[in-house]
Protein backbone atom coordinates (compact mmCIF):
# COMPACT_ATOMS: atom_id res chain seq x y z
CA UNK A 1 31.13 9.71 -55.16
CA UNK A 2 27.80 7.98 -55.84
CA UNK A 3 27.55 9.85 -59.14
CA UNK A 4 31.08 8.83 -60.10
CA UNK A 5 30.40 5.23 -59.18
CA UNK A 6 27.23 5.12 -61.28
CA UNK A 7 29.12 6.61 -64.23
CA UNK A 8 31.84 3.98 -63.92
CA UNK A 9 29.26 1.21 -63.62
CA UNK A 10 27.46 2.48 -66.70
CA UNK A 11 30.67 2.75 -68.68
CA UNK A 12 32.38 -0.44 -67.58
CA UNK A 13 29.55 -2.63 -66.29
CA UNK A 14 31.64 -3.36 -63.20
CA UNK A 15 28.91 -3.02 -60.59
CA UNK A 16 30.70 -5.05 -57.92
CA UNK A 17 34.11 -3.42 -58.33
CA UNK A 18 34.39 -0.16 -56.45
CA UNK A 19 37.08 2.49 -56.65
CA UNK A 20 38.20 5.63 -58.43
CA UNK A 21 41.88 5.47 -57.52
CA UNK A 22 44.04 6.13 -60.60
CA UNK A 23 45.35 2.54 -60.55
CA UNK A 24 41.82 1.16 -60.43
CA UNK A 25 40.73 3.34 -63.35
CA UNK A 26 43.63 1.93 -65.41
CA UNK A 27 42.51 -1.58 -64.45
CA UNK A 28 38.96 -0.81 -65.62
CA UNK A 29 40.33 0.40 -68.95
CA UNK A 30 42.50 -2.71 -69.28
CA UNK A 31 39.49 -4.94 -68.58
CA UNK A 32 37.49 -3.14 -71.24
CA UNK A 33 40.33 -3.55 -73.76
CA UNK A 34 41.19 -7.19 -73.12
CA UNK A 35 37.78 -8.70 -72.33
CA UNK A 36 36.51 -8.98 -75.95
CA UNK A 37 39.67 -10.85 -76.99
CA UNK A 38 40.64 -14.47 -76.27
CA UNK A 39 43.92 -13.38 -74.69
CA UNK A 40 44.98 -15.21 -71.54
CA UNK A 41 44.94 -12.87 -68.56
CA UNK A 42 47.12 -13.19 -65.44
CA UNK A 43 46.19 -11.31 -62.29
CA UNK A 44 48.59 -10.72 -59.45
CA UNK A 45 48.07 -9.32 -55.99
CA UNK A 46 47.60 -10.28 -52.39
CA UNK A 47 44.69 -12.41 -51.24
CA UNK A 48 41.55 -10.31 -50.88
CA UNK A 49 42.37 -7.73 -53.55
CA UNK A 50 39.41 -8.78 -55.72
CA UNK A 51 40.87 -11.14 -58.32
CA UNK A 52 37.67 -13.20 -58.53
CA UNK A 53 35.59 -10.06 -59.14
CA UNK A 54 37.93 -8.97 -61.93
CA UNK A 55 37.79 -12.44 -63.52
CA UNK A 56 33.98 -12.29 -63.52
CA UNK A 57 34.05 -8.79 -64.99
CA UNK A 58 36.30 -9.99 -67.81
CA UNK A 59 33.91 -12.86 -68.51
CA UNK A 60 30.84 -10.62 -68.42
CA UNK A 61 32.36 -8.28 -71.00
CA UNK A 62 33.76 -11.07 -73.19
CA UNK A 63 32.42 -12.67 -76.36
CA UNK A 64 31.60 -15.81 -74.32
CA UNK A 65 29.58 -13.96 -71.68
CA UNK A 66 26.60 -16.26 -72.31
CA UNK A 67 28.76 -19.32 -71.69
CA UNK A 68 29.73 -20.78 -68.31
CA UNK A 69 32.06 -19.13 -65.82
CA UNK A 70 33.96 -21.81 -63.91
CA UNK A 71 36.21 -20.93 -60.98
CA UNK A 72 38.74 -23.12 -59.17
CA UNK A 73 41.29 -22.30 -56.50
CA UNK A 74 44.25 -24.58 -57.17
CA UNK A 75 45.47 -24.10 -53.61
CA UNK A 76 42.26 -25.49 -52.09
CA UNK A 77 42.37 -28.87 -53.86
CA UNK A 78 44.77 -31.64 -52.71
CA UNK A 79 47.41 -32.35 -55.34
CA UNK A 80 46.15 -35.93 -55.76
CA UNK A 81 42.70 -34.66 -56.78
CA UNK A 82 43.60 -31.51 -58.74
CA UNK A 83 44.18 -33.28 -62.07
CA UNK A 84 40.82 -35.04 -61.84
CA UNK A 85 39.13 -31.80 -60.79
CA UNK A 86 40.54 -29.93 -63.77
CA UNK A 87 40.43 -32.58 -66.48
CA UNK A 88 37.89 -35.11 -65.20
CA UNK A 89 38.27 -38.87 -64.96
CA UNK A 90 36.72 -42.05 -66.25
CA UNK A 91 35.07 -44.71 -64.13
CA UNK A 92 37.67 -46.94 -62.48
CA UNK A 93 40.57 -44.53 -63.04
CA UNK A 94 41.43 -44.73 -59.33
CA UNK A 95 39.97 -45.93 -56.06
CA UNK A 96 36.68 -44.14 -55.51
CA UNK A 97 36.15 -43.24 -59.17
CA UNK A 98 32.77 -44.98 -59.39
CA UNK A 99 31.45 -42.91 -62.30
CA UNK A 100 32.81 -40.74 -65.09
CA UNK A 101 33.44 -37.16 -64.03
CA UNK A 102 33.52 -34.03 -66.19
CA UNK A 103 36.43 -31.77 -65.23
CA UNK A 104 36.35 -28.00 -64.85
CA UNK A 105 37.98 -27.35 -68.24
CA UNK A 106 35.29 -29.24 -70.14
CA UNK A 107 32.58 -27.69 -67.93
CA UNK A 108 33.90 -24.28 -69.03
CA UNK A 109 33.68 -25.13 -72.74
CA UNK A 110 32.53 -22.08 -74.74
CA UNK A 111 33.00 -19.98 -71.61
CA UNK A 112 35.67 -18.86 -69.15
CA UNK A 113 37.72 -20.76 -66.59
CA UNK A 114 39.35 -18.84 -63.74
CA UNK A 115 42.25 -20.63 -62.05
CA UNK A 116 43.18 -18.91 -58.80
CA UNK A 117 46.39 -19.52 -56.82
CA UNK A 118 48.07 -20.93 -59.91
CA UNK A 119 51.36 -20.51 -58.03
CA UNK A 120 50.44 -23.54 -55.90
CA UNK A 121 50.31 -25.97 -58.86
CA UNK A 122 52.92 -28.75 -58.76
CA UNK A 123 55.56 -29.12 -61.52
CA UNK A 124 53.61 -32.00 -63.06
CA UNK A 125 50.38 -30.05 -63.06
CA UNK A 126 52.17 -27.03 -64.52
CA UNK A 127 53.27 -29.16 -67.47
CA UNK A 128 49.72 -30.37 -68.08
CA UNK A 129 48.40 -26.81 -67.87
CA UNK A 130 51.01 -25.67 -70.39
CA UNK A 131 49.74 -28.22 -72.90
CA UNK A 132 46.10 -27.23 -72.33
CA UNK A 133 46.93 -23.55 -72.84
CA UNK A 134 48.87 -24.31 -76.02
CA UNK A 135 46.52 -26.84 -77.59
CA UNK A 136 43.19 -26.57 -75.69
CA UNK A 137 43.16 -30.37 -75.46
CA UNK A 138 43.74 -32.94 -72.71
CA UNK A 139 42.95 -36.48 -71.57
CA UNK A 140 40.76 -37.19 -68.54
CA UNK A 141 42.49 -39.22 -65.83
CA UNK A 142 42.45 -42.90 -66.82
CA UNK A 143 41.41 -42.22 -70.42
CA UNK A 144 43.25 -42.39 -73.74
CA UNK A 145 40.64 -40.24 -75.44
CA UNK A 146 41.66 -36.65 -76.13
CA UNK A 147 39.11 -33.98 -75.26
CA UNK A 148 39.07 -30.56 -76.92
CA UNK A 149 37.71 -27.53 -75.05
CA UNK A 150 37.35 -23.99 -76.39
CA UNK A 151 37.89 -22.02 -73.18
CA UNK A 152 38.92 -18.48 -72.26
CA UNK A 153 41.53 -18.80 -69.50
CA UNK A 154 42.04 -16.28 -66.70
CA UNK A 155 44.58 -17.03 -63.97
CA UNK A 156 45.67 -15.46 -60.71
CA UNK A 157 48.61 -15.72 -58.36
CA UNK A 158 49.00 -14.36 -54.84
CA UNK A 159 52.79 -14.70 -55.07
CA UNK A 160 55.19 -13.04 -57.55
CA UNK A 161 55.62 -15.67 -60.29
CA UNK A 162 58.88 -14.09 -61.50
CA UNK A 163 60.46 -14.91 -58.14
CA UNK A 164 59.09 -18.47 -58.22
CA UNK A 165 60.57 -18.91 -61.72
CA UNK A 166 63.97 -17.71 -60.47
CA UNK A 167 63.71 -20.14 -57.55
CA UNK A 168 62.90 -23.03 -59.89
CA UNK A 169 59.42 -23.48 -58.38
CA UNK A 170 57.44 -22.40 -61.43
CA UNK A 171 58.04 -23.38 -65.06
CA UNK A 172 59.49 -20.56 -67.11
CA UNK A 173 57.72 -21.70 -70.30
CA UNK A 174 54.35 -21.73 -68.50
CA UNK A 175 55.05 -18.29 -67.05
CA UNK A 176 55.76 -16.89 -70.51
CA UNK A 177 52.61 -18.56 -71.80
CA UNK A 178 50.32 -16.98 -69.19
CA UNK A 179 52.12 -13.64 -68.78
CA UNK A 180 50.50 -12.12 -71.87
CA UNK A 181 48.29 -9.50 -70.25
CA UNK A 182 48.93 -8.90 -66.55
CA UNK A 183 46.63 -7.04 -64.19
CA UNK A 184 48.24 -6.10 -60.88
CA UNK A 185 45.67 -5.47 -58.17
CA UNK A 186 46.74 -3.07 -55.40
CA UNK A 187 45.77 -3.68 -51.76
CA UNK A 188 43.45 -1.16 -50.11
CA UNK A 189 46.34 0.30 -48.09
CA UNK A 190 47.76 1.58 -51.40
CA UNK A 191 44.46 3.20 -52.44
CA UNK A 192 43.48 5.12 -49.30
CA UNK A 193 41.37 7.50 -51.36
CA UNK A 194 39.00 4.64 -52.16
CA UNK A 195 38.22 3.79 -48.54
CA UNK A 196 35.35 6.26 -48.30
CA UNK A 197 33.70 5.09 -51.52
CA UNK A 198 34.19 1.46 -50.45
CA UNK A 199 32.62 2.01 -47.02
CA UNK A 200 29.69 3.86 -48.59
CA UNK A 201 29.23 1.00 -51.03
CA UNK A 202 29.15 -1.63 -48.27
CA UNK A 203 26.87 0.52 -46.10
CA UNK A 204 24.41 0.85 -48.96
CA UNK A 205 24.60 -2.90 -49.63
CA UNK A 206 24.01 -3.98 -46.03
CA UNK A 207 21.32 -1.34 -45.43
CA UNK A 208 19.35 -3.00 -48.23
CA UNK A 209 20.21 -6.57 -47.19
CA UNK A 210 19.33 -6.07 -43.52
CA UNK A 211 16.59 -3.47 -43.99
CA UNK A 212 18.46 -0.84 -42.01
CA UNK A 213 18.69 2.92 -42.49
CA UNK A 214 22.13 3.87 -41.18
CA UNK A 215 22.93 7.29 -42.63
CA UNK A 216 26.72 7.23 -42.73
CA UNK A 217 29.98 7.42 -40.81
CA UNK A 218 31.31 10.04 -38.43
CA UNK A 219 34.44 11.92 -39.41
CA UNK A 220 36.31 10.13 -36.61
CA UNK A 221 35.22 6.70 -37.85
CA UNK A 222 36.28 7.48 -41.43
CA UNK A 223 39.66 8.78 -40.29
CA UNK A 224 40.14 5.63 -38.20
CA UNK A 225 39.41 3.41 -41.21
CA UNK A 226 41.79 5.40 -43.38
CA UNK A 227 44.60 4.90 -40.83
CA UNK A 228 44.10 1.12 -40.71
CA UNK A 229 46.90 -0.85 -42.42
CA UNK A 230 44.85 -3.11 -44.68
C-alpha cells in the first residue's frame, strides 16, 4: 500500500489525497486531464469527502499554480456580506465600510478561486456569479467601476444541484455554466477498500507530528473501522 501510494503521489502529485479505490483512480485521472485547462470544474459530494483537497490539487497542477489559491465557503458568510466578500466594496458603500476592500475574486487574479457550498448562494448572488463566470468582470459594492479578473474557477456543492434546479432554488443557466466538468466524490462508506490505506496514512502523519512510534492496528481494530458507516 505504501508503495502504491508513493507511485500515485509521484504520478499525480496528490500527496494529501489518499486512496486506490477504482473511483478515486478515475478522479485522479480526471484531475490530471482537466487541471492544465481553464475549464470550470464542479465538485459534488457530501461534506467531508475532500472537495477542498481536490480543488487545491487542481490548482497545483494548473497553469496558474504560481498564482494565488483563494477559498471561500458561501454557506459560512451571511448573505448580506457575501457580495462584498466576493467582489469587494468601496469606502462608504454601507455602514461599517470604512475603507476600500478587495474581494476574493480580485484577490484570486491570475490564480484559482474555490467556491464551496455554491448551493447556498441566493438567487441574486447566483445571477452575479453567472455574469462573472461569463465575462470575468464585476463591480465592487458601491462602485460604478468595472473590475476584470482572470481567474480559474472551481466550485463545489454538498447538495445535488439538478434537484435544486428542478425545485426552482438554483438557476438553470448558472447550473449549465458550471456543470462543464463534474467530479463526484464518494464518501468513505462507498470505498471500504481505502480504509486501511487511509488509517495507515493518518497513523504515519500523527506519528511524525506527535513524535510517536505506534506500529499499526490490530486486525480487530481494522475490521471495526471497516464496519463503521462513515
